[in-house]
């Protein structure tokens, strides 16, 4: 039996009415290439999940579309029965096609089916947190979300969902959703070089709503920045560590969900995210943003 750690970078933050570690784990990379099919090493994938929990991580992010079903089933196999303090967040609003695409699936019937599929594949009676995926692979889209979000609120009122969030959302869609029901988090693409959400990050911090950046390290195209590399060299750290640490410095309501299929990398990410960055180097990193090229 492993003893769970209690020290992770960034401490904890309230997500709805639940206290979670700011350093969490994203399960997307546990599926096969391009998030399709099973991993080459299922036992290794389960080992990563158990290591995350043993480290003290209490926030795991997944979706039944990953695989599809693969990451949810791995999570159930590795962690069920779940620790009382573990929050498993999932995402609905897109499905998968034979080519590996992510076509939208946001009609009420689609969402009801997705929630029940997540309940089944995770082995849960209630989903801790469901994020509604909006827009498309190119990013957020300006459109009303009243119907799909309302469908999830109906499932919440029936006791199948505890908390609701948004993914790939605009600031206006956050406003629209909050007129319908509480939103505990927004999960958008954001990292050191891709800073289009700066204003939303600051706004949500003021309002006490969690911001969960996906692709915190650049996603399928890792961050490339001469400034980042220079700062990392001066800190005697890796660019990955600096990029994660910068996110925790960026806003007190940011929650990290970096993904990896390696226990070693999981531990390295956690250690790196806990580094302290001096104000002068933070200023250099803050200046990257802009066109996303990062110097």
C-alpha atoms as a PDB file:
ATOM      1  CA  UNK A   1       0.000   0.000   0.000  1.00  0.00           C
ATOM      2  CA  UNK A   2       1.327   3.402  -1.041  1.00  0.00           C
ATOM      3  CA  UNK A   3       1.307   6.471   1.169  1.00  0.00           C
ATOM      4  CA  UNK A   4      -0.213   9.422  -0.660  1.00  0.00           C
ATOM      5  CA  UNK A   5       1.824  12.597  -0.861  1.00  0.00           C
ATOM      6  CA  UNK A   6       0.352  15.841   0.448  1.00  0.00           C
ATOM      7  CA  UNK A   7       2.736  18.313  -1.208  1.00  0.00           C
ATOM      8  CA  UNK A   8       2.200  19.251  -4.841  1.00  0.00           C
ATOM      9  CA  UNK A   9       3.053  22.518  -6.590  1.00  0.00           C
ATOM     10  CA  UNK A  10       0.509  25.278  -6.285  1.00  0.00           C
ATOM     11  CA  UNK A  11      -1.328  23.793  -3.324  1.00  0.00           C
ATOM     12  CA  UNK A  12      -5.082  23.379  -3.708  1.00  0.00           C
ATOM     13  CA  UNK A  13      -8.003  25.335  -5.116  1.00  0.00           C
ATOM     14  CA  UNK A  14     -11.764  25.036  -4.806  1.00  0.00           C
ATOM     15  CA  UNK A  15     -13.514  23.608  -7.849  1.00  0.00           C
ATOM     16  CA  UNK A  16     -17.196  24.062  -7.179  1.00  0.00           C
ATOM     17  CA  UNK A  17     -17.497  22.795  -3.601  1.00  0.00           C
ATOM     18  CA  UNK A  18     -14.495  20.454  -3.898  1.00  0.00           C
ATOM     19  CA  UNK A  19     -10.901  21.183  -2.936  1.00  0.00           C
ATOM     20  CA  UNK A  20      -8.536  19.861  -5.615  1.00  0.00           C
ATOM     21  CA  UNK A  21      -4.793  20.011  -6.180  1.00  0.00           C
ATOM     22  CA  UNK A  22      -3.791  22.736  -8.623  1.00  0.00           C
ATOM     23  CA  UNK A  23      -1.403  20.243 -10.199  1.00  0.00           C
ATOM     24  CA  UNK A  24      -3.669  17.642 -11.782  1.00  0.00           C
ATOM     25  CA  UNK A  25      -3.399  15.098 -14.547  1.00  0.00           C
ATOM     26  CA  UNK A  26      -4.868  14.929 -18.063  1.00  0.00           C
ATOM     27  CA  UNK A  27      -5.517  11.413 -19.338  1.00  0.00           C
ATOM     28  CA  UNK A  28      -5.709  12.114 -23.095  1.00  0.00           C
ATOM     29  CA  UNK A  29      -2.227  10.754 -23.814  1.00  0.00           C
ATOM     30  CA  UNK A  30      -3.104   7.364 -22.362  1.00  0.00           C
ATOM     31  CA  UNK A  31      -4.992   6.436 -25.543  1.00  0.00           C
ATOM     32  CA  UNK A  32      -3.252   5.362 -28.743  1.00  0.00           C
ATOM     33  CA  UNK A  33      -1.784   7.636 -31.433  1.00  0.00           C
ATOM     34  CA  UNK A  34      -3.917  10.727 -32.155  1.00  0.00           C
ATOM     35  CA  UNK A  35      -6.096   9.732 -29.180  1.00  0.00           C
ATOM     36  CA  UNK A  36      -7.477   6.709 -31.035  1.00  0.00           C
ATOM     37  CA  UNK A  37      -7.431   3.092 -29.919  1.00  0.00           C
ATOM     38  CA  UNK A  38      -5.654   1.484 -26.977  1.00  0.00           C
ATOM     39  CA  UNK A  39      -2.142   2.326 -25.776  1.00  0.00           C
ATOM     40  CA  UNK A  40       0.783   0.119 -26.674  1.00  0.00           C
ATOM     41  CA  UNK A  41       1.286  -0.574 -22.937  1.00  0.00           C
ATOM     42  CA  UNK A  42      -2.047  -0.700 -21.041  1.00  0.00           C
ATOM     43  CA  UNK A  43      -0.346  -1.848 -17.838  1.00  0.00           C
ATOM     44  CA  UNK A  44       1.992   1.138 -18.047  1.00  0.00           C
ATOM     45  CA  UNK A  45      -0.959   3.451 -18.548  1.00  0.00           C
ATOM     46  CA  UNK A  46      -2.645   2.105 -15.438  1.00  0.00           C
ATOM     47  CA  UNK A  47       0.633   2.527 -13.553  1.00  0.00           C
ATOM     48  CA  UNK A  48       0.710   6.243 -14.473  1.00  0.00           C
ATOM     49  CA  UNK A  49      -2.813   6.717 -13.110  1.00  0.00           C
ATOM     50  CA  UNK A  50      -1.964   4.962  -9.853  1.00  0.00           C
ATOM     51  CA  UNK A  51       1.233   7.001  -9.547  1.00  0.00           C
ATOM     52  CA  UNK A  52      -0.757  10.216  -9.983  1.00  0.00           C
ATOM     53  CA  UNK A  53      -3.072   9.288  -7.139  1.00  0.00           C
ATOM     54  CA  UNK A  54      -0.165   8.095  -4.982  1.00  0.00           C
ATOM     55  CA  UNK A  55       1.512  11.483  -5.501  1.00  0.00           C
ATOM     56  CA  UNK A  56      -1.564  13.167  -4.046  1.00  0.00           C
ATOM     57  CA  UNK A  57      -3.185  14.415  -7.260  1.00  0.00           C
ATOM     58  CA  UNK A  58      -6.930  14.835  -6.727  1.00  0.00           C
ATOM     59  CA  UNK A  59      -7.978  16.155 -10.161  1.00  0.00           C
ATOM     60  CA  UNK A  60      -7.933  13.876 -13.222  1.00  0.00           C
ATOM     61  CA  UNK A  61      -9.307  15.046 -16.560  1.00  0.00           C
ATOM     62  CA  UNK A  62     -10.681  12.652 -19.173  1.00  0.00           C
ATOM     63  CA  UNK A  63     -13.386  12.153 -21.806  1.00  0.00           C
ATOM     64  CA  UNK A  64     -15.236   9.172 -23.186  1.00  0.00           C
ATOM     65  CA  UNK A  65     -14.193  10.457 -26.638  1.00  0.00           C
ATOM     66  CA  UNK A  66     -10.552   9.632 -25.867  1.00  0.00           C
ATOM     67  CA  UNK A  67     -10.009   6.311 -27.567  1.00  0.00           C
ATOM     68  CA  UNK A  68     -13.036   6.384 -27.624  1.00  0.00           C
ATOM     69  CA  UNK A  69     -13.770   4.967 -24.138  1.00  0.00           C
ATOM     70  CA  UNK A  70     -10.150   3.879 -23.710  1.00  0.00           C
ATOM     71  CA  UNK A  71      -8.970   6.396 -21.117  1.00  0.00           C
ATOM     72  CA  UNK A  72     -12.180   6.129 -19.074  1.00  0.00           C
ATOM     73  CA  UNK A  73     -11.862   2.360 -18.945  1.00  0.00           C
ATOM     74  CA  UNK A  74      -8.206   2.596 -17.951  1.00  0.00           C
ATOM     75  CA  UNK A  75      -9.130   5.024 -15.164  1.00  0.00           C
ATOM     76  CA  UNK A  76     -11.822   2.650 -13.884  1.00  0.00           C
ATOM     77  CA  UNK A  77      -9.497  -0.354 -14.068  1.00  0.00           C
ATOM     78  CA  UNK A  78      -6.679   1.464 -12.274  1.00  0.00           C
ATOM     79  CA  UNK A  79      -8.526   3.477  -9.648  1.00  0.00           C
ATOM     80  CA  UNK A  80     -11.988   2.032  -8.940  1.00  0.00           C
ATOM     81  CA  UNK A  81     -13.184   2.171  -6.199  1.00  0.00           C
ATOM     82  CA  UNK A  82     -12.131   5.797  -6.346  1.00  0.00           C
ATOM     83  CA  UNK A  83     -10.555   7.670  -3.420  1.00  0.00           C
ATOM     84  CA  UNK A  84     -13.073   9.936  -1.720  1.00  0.00           C
ATOM     85  CA  UNK A  85     -11.014  13.044  -2.463  1.00  0.00           C
ATOM     86  CA  UNK A  86     -10.484  12.320  -6.184  1.00  0.00           C
ATOM     87  CA  UNK A  87     -12.391  14.472  -8.671  1.00  0.00           C
ATOM     88  CA  UNK A  88     -12.664  12.998 -12.165  1.00  0.00           C
ATOM     89  CA  UNK A  89     -13.672  15.606 -14.736  1.00  0.00           C
ATOM     90  CA  UNK A  90     -14.981  14.517 -18.125  1.00  0.00           C
ATOM     91  CA  UNK A  91     -16.006  16.254 -21.327  1.00  0.00           C
ATOM     92  CA  UNK A  92     -18.979  15.888 -23.670  1.00  0.00           C
ATOM     93  CA  UNK A  93     -20.025  17.653 -26.860  1.00  0.00           C
ATOM     94  CA  UNK A  94     -17.878  15.891 -29.478  1.00  0.00           C
ATOM     95  CA  UNK A  95     -17.587  12.373 -30.770  1.00  0.00           C
ATOM     96  CA  UNK A  96     -15.010  10.613 -32.964  1.00  0.00           C
ATOM     97  CA  UNK A  97     -15.159   9.603 -36.602  1.00  0.00           C
ATOM     98  CA  UNK A  98     -13.292   6.871 -38.459  1.00  0.00           C
ATOM     99  CA  UNK A  99     -10.615   9.345 -39.552  1.00  0.00           C
ATOM    100  CA  UNK A 100      -9.891  10.426 -35.980  1.00  0.00           C
ATOM    101  CA  UNK A 101     -11.794  13.713 -36.290  1.00  0.00           C
ATOM    102  CA  UNK A 102     -13.871  15.339 -33.543  1.00  0.00           C
ATOM    103  CA  UNK A 103     -17.309  16.106 -35.039  1.00  0.00           C
ATOM    104  CA  UNK A 104     -19.617  18.072 -32.722  1.00  0.00           C
ATOM    105  CA  UNK A 105     -22.290  16.114 -30.843  1.00  0.00           C
ATOM    106  CA  UNK A 106     -24.179  18.757 -28.885  1.00  0.00           C
ATOM    107  CA  UNK A 107     -27.821  17.980 -29.494  1.00  0.00           C
ATOM    108  CA  UNK A 108     -29.661  17.161 -26.248  1.00  0.00           C
ATOM    109  CA  UNK A 109     -29.930  13.481 -27.210  1.00  0.00           C
ATOM    110  CA  UNK A 110     -26.187  13.378 -27.969  1.00  0.00           C
ATOM    111  CA  UNK A 111     -25.369  14.873 -24.589  1.00  0.00           C
ATOM    112  CA  UNK A 112     -27.691  12.593 -22.655  1.00  0.00           C
ATOM    113  CA  UNK A 113     -26.128   9.583 -24.365  1.00  0.00           C
ATOM    114  CA  UNK A 114     -22.611  10.871 -23.692  1.00  0.00           C
ATOM    115  CA  UNK A 115     -23.284  11.406 -19.998  1.00  0.00           C
ATOM    116  CA  UNK A 116     -24.630   7.877 -19.612  1.00  0.00           C
ATOM    117  CA  UNK A 117     -21.669   6.470 -21.561  1.00  0.00           C
ATOM    118  CA  UNK A 118     -19.249   8.309 -19.273  1.00  0.00           C
ATOM    119  CA  UNK A 119     -21.081   7.010 -16.214  1.00  0.00           C
ATOM    120  CA  UNK A 120     -20.802   3.466 -17.541  1.00  0.00           C
ATOM    121  CA  UNK A 121     -17.197   3.560 -18.695  1.00  0.00           C
ATOM    122  CA  UNK A 122     -15.985   5.252 -15.499  1.00  0.00           C
ATOM    123  CA  UNK A 123     -18.111   3.057 -13.237  1.00  0.00           C
ATOM    124  CA  UNK A 124     -19.787   6.019 -11.537  1.00  0.00           C
ATOM    125  CA  UNK A 125     -23.324   6.755 -10.387  1.00  0.00           C
ATOM    126  CA  UNK A 126     -22.663  10.493 -10.582  1.00  0.00           C
ATOM    127  CA  UNK A 127     -20.112  12.441 -12.647  1.00  0.00           C
ATOM    128  CA  UNK A 128     -18.074  14.877 -10.545  1.00  0.00           C
ATOM    129  CA  UNK A 129     -17.655  17.478 -13.285  1.00  0.00           C
ATOM    130  CA  UNK A 130     -18.813  17.613 -16.900  1.00  0.00           C
ATOM    131  CA  UNK A 131     -17.321  20.156 -19.300  1.00  0.00           C
ATOM    132  CA  UNK A 132     -19.357  21.048 -22.385  1.00  0.00           C
ATOM    133  CA  UNK A 133     -17.027  21.102 -25.411  1.00  0.00           C
ATOM    134  CA  UNK A 134     -17.919  23.950 -27.754  1.00  0.00           C
ATOM    135  CA  UNK A 135     -16.591  25.261 -31.064  1.00  0.00           C
ATOM    136  CA  UNK A 136     -14.495  22.918 -33.184  1.00  0.00           C
ATOM    137  CA  UNK A 137     -10.901  21.855 -33.790  1.00  0.00           C
ATOM    138  CA  UNK A 138     -10.068  25.393 -34.933  1.00  0.00           C
ATOM    139  CA  UNK A 139     -11.148  26.938 -31.621  1.00  0.00           C
ATOM    140  CA  UNK A 140     -14.189  28.604 -30.041  1.00  0.00           C
ATOM    141  CA  UNK A 141     -17.094  29.751 -32.202  1.00  0.00           C
ATOM    142  CA  UNK A 142     -19.560  32.556 -31.496  1.00  0.00           C
ATOM    143  CA  UNK A 143     -22.869  30.730 -31.101  1.00  0.00           C
ATOM    144  CA  UNK A 144     -25.597  30.303 -28.514  1.00  0.00           C
ATOM    145  CA  UNK A 145     -25.057  27.474 -26.060  1.00  0.00           C
ATOM    146  CA  UNK A 146     -28.411  27.706 -24.294  1.00  0.00           C
ATOM    147  CA  UNK A 147     -29.793  24.433 -25.673  1.00  0.00           C
ATOM    148  CA  UNK A 148     -26.787  22.144 -25.019  1.00  0.00           C
ATOM    149  CA  UNK A 149     -25.929  23.689 -21.676  1.00  0.00           C
ATOM    150  CA  UNK A 150     -29.567  23.516 -20.655  1.00  0.00           C
ATOM    151  CA  UNK A 151     -29.588  19.799 -21.484  1.00  0.00           C
ATOM    152  CA  UNK A 152     -26.666  19.258 -19.115  1.00  0.00           C
ATOM    153  CA  UNK A 153     -28.365  21.328 -16.418  1.00  0.00           C
ATOM    154  CA  UNK A 154     -31.375  19.009 -16.734  1.00  0.00           C
ATOM    155  CA  UNK A 155     -29.106  16.006 -16.137  1.00  0.00           C
ATOM    156  CA  UNK A 156     -27.513  17.825 -13.211  1.00  0.00           C
ATOM    157  CA  UNK A 157     -30.932  18.406 -11.682  1.00  0.00           C
ATOM    158  CA  UNK A 158     -31.635  14.687 -12.068  1.00  0.00           C
ATOM    159  CA  UNK A 159     -28.570  13.944  -9.939  1.00  0.00           C
ATOM    160  CA  UNK A 160     -26.274  12.578 -12.653  1.00  0.00           C
ATOM    161  CA  UNK A 161     -23.785  15.490 -12.612  1.00  0.00           C
ATOM    162  CA  UNK A 162     -22.403  17.449  -9.666  1.00  0.00           C
ATOM    163  CA  UNK A 163     -20.686  20.385 -11.386  1.00  0.00           C
ATOM    164  CA  UNK A 164     -20.652  21.929 -14.853  1.00  0.00           C
ATOM    165  CA  UNK A 165     -17.921  23.633 -16.846  1.00  0.00           C
ATOM    166  CA  UNK A 166     -17.217  24.834 -20.384  1.00  0.00           C
ATOM    167  CA  UNK A 167     -14.456  23.964 -22.825  1.00  0.00           C
ATOM    168  CA  UNK A 168     -13.351  25.819 -25.959  1.00  0.00           C
ATOM    169  CA  UNK A 169     -15.596  28.704 -24.903  1.00  0.00           C
ATOM    170  CA  UNK A 170     -15.725  32.442 -25.506  1.00  0.00           C
ATOM    171  CA  UNK A 171     -16.194  34.987 -22.738  1.00  0.00           C
ATOM    172  CA  UNK A 172     -19.701  35.664 -24.033  1.00  0.00           C
ATOM    173  CA  UNK A 173     -20.572  31.964 -23.800  1.00  0.00           C
ATOM    174  CA  UNK A 174     -19.405  31.950 -20.199  1.00  0.00           C
ATOM    175  CA  UNK A 175     -21.841  34.810 -19.555  1.00  0.00           C
ATOM    176  CA  UNK A 176     -24.668  32.972 -21.315  1.00  0.00           C
ATOM    177  CA  UNK A 177     -24.066  29.755 -19.385  1.00  0.00           C
ATOM    178  CA  UNK A 178     -23.900  31.522 -16.018  1.00  0.00           C
ATOM    179  CA  UNK A 179     -27.366  32.948 -16.603  1.00  0.00           C
ATOM    180  CA  UNK A 180     -28.583  29.336 -16.754  1.00  0.00           C
ATOM    181  CA  UNK A 181     -26.552  27.623 -14.006  1.00  0.00           C
ATOM    182  CA  UNK A 182     -23.254  27.965 -12.109  1.00  0.00           C
ATOM    183  CA  UNK A 183     -20.050  27.352 -14.085  1.00  0.00           C
ATOM    184  CA  UNK A 184     -17.150  26.100 -11.945  1.00  0.00           C
ATOM    185  CA  UNK A 185     -14.420  26.078 -14.603  1.00  0.00           C
ATOM    186  CA  UNK A 186     -13.469  26.991 -18.143  1.00  0.00           C
ATOM    187  CA  UNK A 187     -11.127  24.664 -20.025  1.00  0.00           C
ATOM    188  CA  UNK A 188      -9.552  26.348 -23.064  1.00  0.00           C
ATOM    189  CA  UNK A 189      -6.332  26.087 -25.023  1.00  0.00           C
ATOM    190  CA  UNK A 190      -3.779  28.323 -23.324  1.00  0.00           C
ATOM    191  CA  UNK A 191      -0.058  28.229 -22.703  1.00  0.00           C
ATOM    192  CA  UNK A 192       3.009  30.423 -22.548  1.00  0.00           C
ATOM    193  CA  UNK A 193       3.002  31.142 -26.292  1.00  0.00           C
ATOM    194  CA  UNK A 194      -0.738  30.997 -27.055  1.00  0.00           C
ATOM    195  CA  UNK A 195      -2.192  33.830 -24.988  1.00  0.00           C
ATOM    196  CA  UNK A 196      -5.448  34.704 -26.742  1.00  0.00           C
ATOM    197  CA  UNK A 197      -7.325  34.067 -23.476  1.00  0.00           C
ATOM    198  CA  UNK A 198      -5.338  36.483 -21.302  1.00  0.00           C
ATOM    199  CA  UNK A 199      -8.359  38.696 -20.621  1.00  0.00           C
ATOM    200  CA  UNK A 200     -10.558  35.696 -19.807  1.00  0.00           C
ATOM    201  CA  UNK A 201      -7.923  34.261 -17.453  1.00  0.00           C
ATOM    202  CA  UNK A 202      -7.873  37.548 -15.525  1.00  0.00           C
ATOM    203  CA  UNK A 203     -11.643  37.884 -15.519  1.00  0.00           C
ATOM    204  CA  UNK A 204     -12.199  34.375 -14.168  1.00  0.00           C
ATOM    205  CA  UNK A 205      -9.584  34.949 -11.476  1.00  0.00           C
ATOM    206  CA  UNK A 206     -11.552  38.006 -10.344  1.00  0.00           C
ATOM    207  CA  UNK A 207     -14.734  35.937 -10.289  1.00  0.00           C
ATOM    208  CA  UNK A 208     -13.184  32.942  -8.515  1.00  0.00           C
ATOM    209  CA  UNK A 209     -13.804  30.547 -11.411  1.00  0.00           C
ATOM    210  CA  UNK A 210     -11.127  27.977 -12.239  1.00  0.00           C
ATOM    211  CA  UNK A 211      -9.307  28.198 -15.564  1.00  0.00           C
ATOM    212  CA  UNK A 212      -7.963  24.860 -16.811  1.00  0.00           C
ATOM    213  CA  UNK A 213      -5.575  25.230 -19.767  1.00  0.00           C
ATOM    214  CA  UNK A 214      -5.475  22.328 -22.161  1.00  0.00           C
ATOM    215  CA  UNK A 215      -2.352  21.822 -24.244  1.00  0.00           C
ATOM    216  CA  UNK A 216      -0.331  23.604 -21.506  1.00  0.00           C
ATOM    217  CA  UNK A 217       2.864  22.484 -23.257  1.00  0.00           C
ATOM    218  CA  UNK A 218       1.699  23.165 -26.805  1.00  0.00           C
ATOM    219  CA  UNK A 219      -0.160  19.921 -27.487  1.00  0.00           C
ATOM    220  CA  UNK A 220       0.738  17.890 -30.566  1.00  0.00           C
ATOM    221  CA  UNK A 221       3.252  20.630 -31.522  1.00  0.00           C
ATOM    222  CA  UNK A 222       5.407  21.235 -28.410  1.00  0.00           C
ATOM    223  CA  UNK A 223       6.249  24.795 -27.435  1.00  0.00           C
ATOM    224  CA  UNK A 224       9.214  26.197 -29.311  1.00  0.00           C
ATOM    225  CA  UNK A 225      10.591  29.495 -28.053  1.00  0.00           C
ATOM    226  CA  UNK A 226      14.089  30.901 -27.901  1.00  0.00           C
ATOM    227  CA  UNK A 227      13.058  33.039 -24.918  1.00  0.00           C
ATOM    228  CA  UNK A 228      11.683  30.012 -23.087  1.00  0.00           C
ATOM    229  CA  UNK A 229      14.834  28.028 -23.815  1.00  0.00           C
ATOM    230  CA  UNK A 230      17.008  30.910 -22.610  1.00  0.00           C
ATOM    231  CA  UNK A 231      15.090  31.319 -19.351  1.00  0.00           C
ATOM    232  CA  UNK A 232      15.140  27.562 -18.774  1.00  0.00           C
ATOM    233  CA  UNK A 233      18.912  27.474 -19.239  1.00  0.00           C
ATOM    234  CA  UNK A 234      19.396  30.248 -16.685  1.00  0.00           C
ATOM    235  CA  UNK A 235      17.174  28.380 -14.221  1.00  0.00           C
ATOM    236  CA  UNK A 236      18.986  25.101 -14.939  1.00  0.00           C
ATOM    237  CA  UNK A 237      15.595  23.621 -15.770  1.00  0.00           C
ATOM    238  CA  UNK A 238      13.812  22.137 -18.764  1.00  0.00           C
ATOM    239  CA  UNK A 239      11.520  24.281 -20.944  1.00  0.00           C
ATOM    240  CA  UNK A 240       8.638  21.986 -19.941  1.00  0.00           C
ATOM    241  CA  UNK A 241       9.215  22.687 -16.255  1.00  0.00           C
ATOM    242  CA  UNK A 242       9.373  26.437 -16.822  1.00  0.00           C
ATOM    243  CA  UNK A 243       6.220  26.444 -18.972  1.00  0.00           C
ATOM    244  CA  UNK A 244       4.246  24.605 -16.286  1.00  0.00           C
ATOM    245  CA  UNK A 245       5.616  26.749 -13.475  1.00  0.00           C
ATOM    246  CA  UNK A 246       4.737  29.905 -15.427  1.00  0.00           C
ATOM    247  CA  UNK A 247       1.103  28.794 -15.659  1.00  0.00           C
ATOM    248  CA  UNK A 248       0.863  28.373 -11.889  1.00  0.00           C
ATOM    249  CA  UNK A 249       2.398  31.834 -11.478  1.00  0.00           C
ATOM    250  CA  UNK A 250       0.073  33.309 -14.113  1.00  0.00           C
ATOM    251  CA  UNK A 251      -3.177  33.146 -12.122  1.00  0.00           C
ATOM    252  CA  UNK A 252      -4.235  31.754  -8.732  1.00  0.00           C
ATOM    253  CA  UNK A 253      -7.261  30.050 -10.289  1.00  0.00           C
ATOM    254  CA  UNK A 254      -5.345  28.142 -12.985  1.00  0.00           C
ATOM    255  CA  UNK A 255      -5.466  24.362 -12.535  1.00  0.00           C
ATOM    256  CA  UNK A 256      -2.927  22.289 -14.448  1.00  0.00           C
ATOM    257  CA  UNK A 257      -3.742  19.019 -16.233  1.00  0.00           C
ATOM    258  CA  UNK A 258      -0.538  18.127 -18.127  1.00  0.00           C
ATOM    259  CA  UNK A 259      -0.672  14.670 -19.653  1.00  0.00           C
ATOM    260  CA  UNK A 260       1.959  11.983 -20.048  1.00  0.00           C
ATOM    261  CA  UNK A 261       2.073   8.220 -20.469  1.00  0.00           C
ATOM    262  CA  UNK A 262       5.271   7.963 -18.397  1.00  0.00           C
ATOM    263  CA  UNK A 263       5.530   7.759 -14.603  1.00  0.00           C
ATOM    264  CA  UNK A 264       8.977   9.347 -14.819  1.00  0.00           C
ATOM    265  CA  UNK A 265       7.680  12.296 -16.817  1.00  0.00           C
ATOM    266  CA  UNK A 266       4.703  12.662 -14.474  1.00  0.00           C
ATOM    267  CA  UNK A 267       7.051  13.087 -11.523  1.00  0.00           C
ATOM    268  CA  UNK A 268       9.352  15.400 -13.489  1.00  0.00           C
ATOM    269  CA  UNK A 269       6.373  17.573 -14.459  1.00  0.00           C
ATOM    270  CA  UNK A 270       5.238  17.848 -10.855  1.00  0.00           C
ATOM    271  CA  UNK A 271       8.723  18.720  -9.652  1.00  0.00           C
ATOM    272  CA  UNK A 272       9.217  21.275 -12.413  1.00  0.00           C
ATOM    273  CA  UNK A 273       5.869  22.967 -11.876  1.00  0.00           C
ATOM    274  CA  UNK A 274       6.896  23.690  -8.304  1.00  0.00           C
ATOM    275  CA  UNK A 275       9.887  25.833  -9.214  1.00  0.00           C
ATOM    276  CA  UNK A 276       9.987  29.488  -8.254  1.00  0.00           C
ATOM    277  CA  UNK A 277      10.567  31.933 -11.111  1.00  0.00           C
ATOM    278  CA  UNK A 278      12.156  35.305 -10.177  1.00  0.00           C
ATOM    279  CA  UNK A 279      10.204  38.442 -11.199  1.00  0.00           C
ATOM    280  CA  UNK A 280      12.687  39.498 -13.891  1.00  0.00           C
ATOM    281  CA  UNK A 281      12.483  36.125 -15.622  1.00  0.00           C
ATOM    282  CA  UNK A 282       8.706  36.071 -15.242  1.00  0.00           C
ATOM    283  CA  UNK A 283       8.639  39.388 -17.098  1.00  0.00           C
ATOM    284  CA  UNK A 284      10.635  37.864 -19.952  1.00  0.00           C
ATOM    285  CA  UNK A 285       8.239  34.935 -20.146  1.00  0.00           C
ATOM    286  CA  UNK A 286       5.187  37.188 -19.945  1.00  0.00           C
ATOM    287  CA  UNK A 287       6.443  39.033 -23.012  1.00  0.00           C
ATOM    288  CA  UNK A 288       6.388  35.910 -25.207  1.00  0.00           C
ATOM    289  CA  UNK A 289       2.649  35.652 -26.004  1.00  0.00           C
ATOM    290  CA  UNK A 290       1.598  37.658 -29.020  1.00  0.00           C
ATOM    291  CA  UNK A 291       1.853  35.771 -32.288  1.00  0.00           C
ATOM    292  CA  UNK A 292       2.540  32.482 -30.535  1.00  0.00           C
ATOM    293  CA  UNK A 293       6.020  32.163 -32.001  1.00  0.00           C
ATOM    294  CA  UNK A 294       7.672  33.117 -28.747  1.00  0.00           C
ATOM    295  CA  UNK A 295      10.737  34.835 -30.192  1.00  0.00           C
END
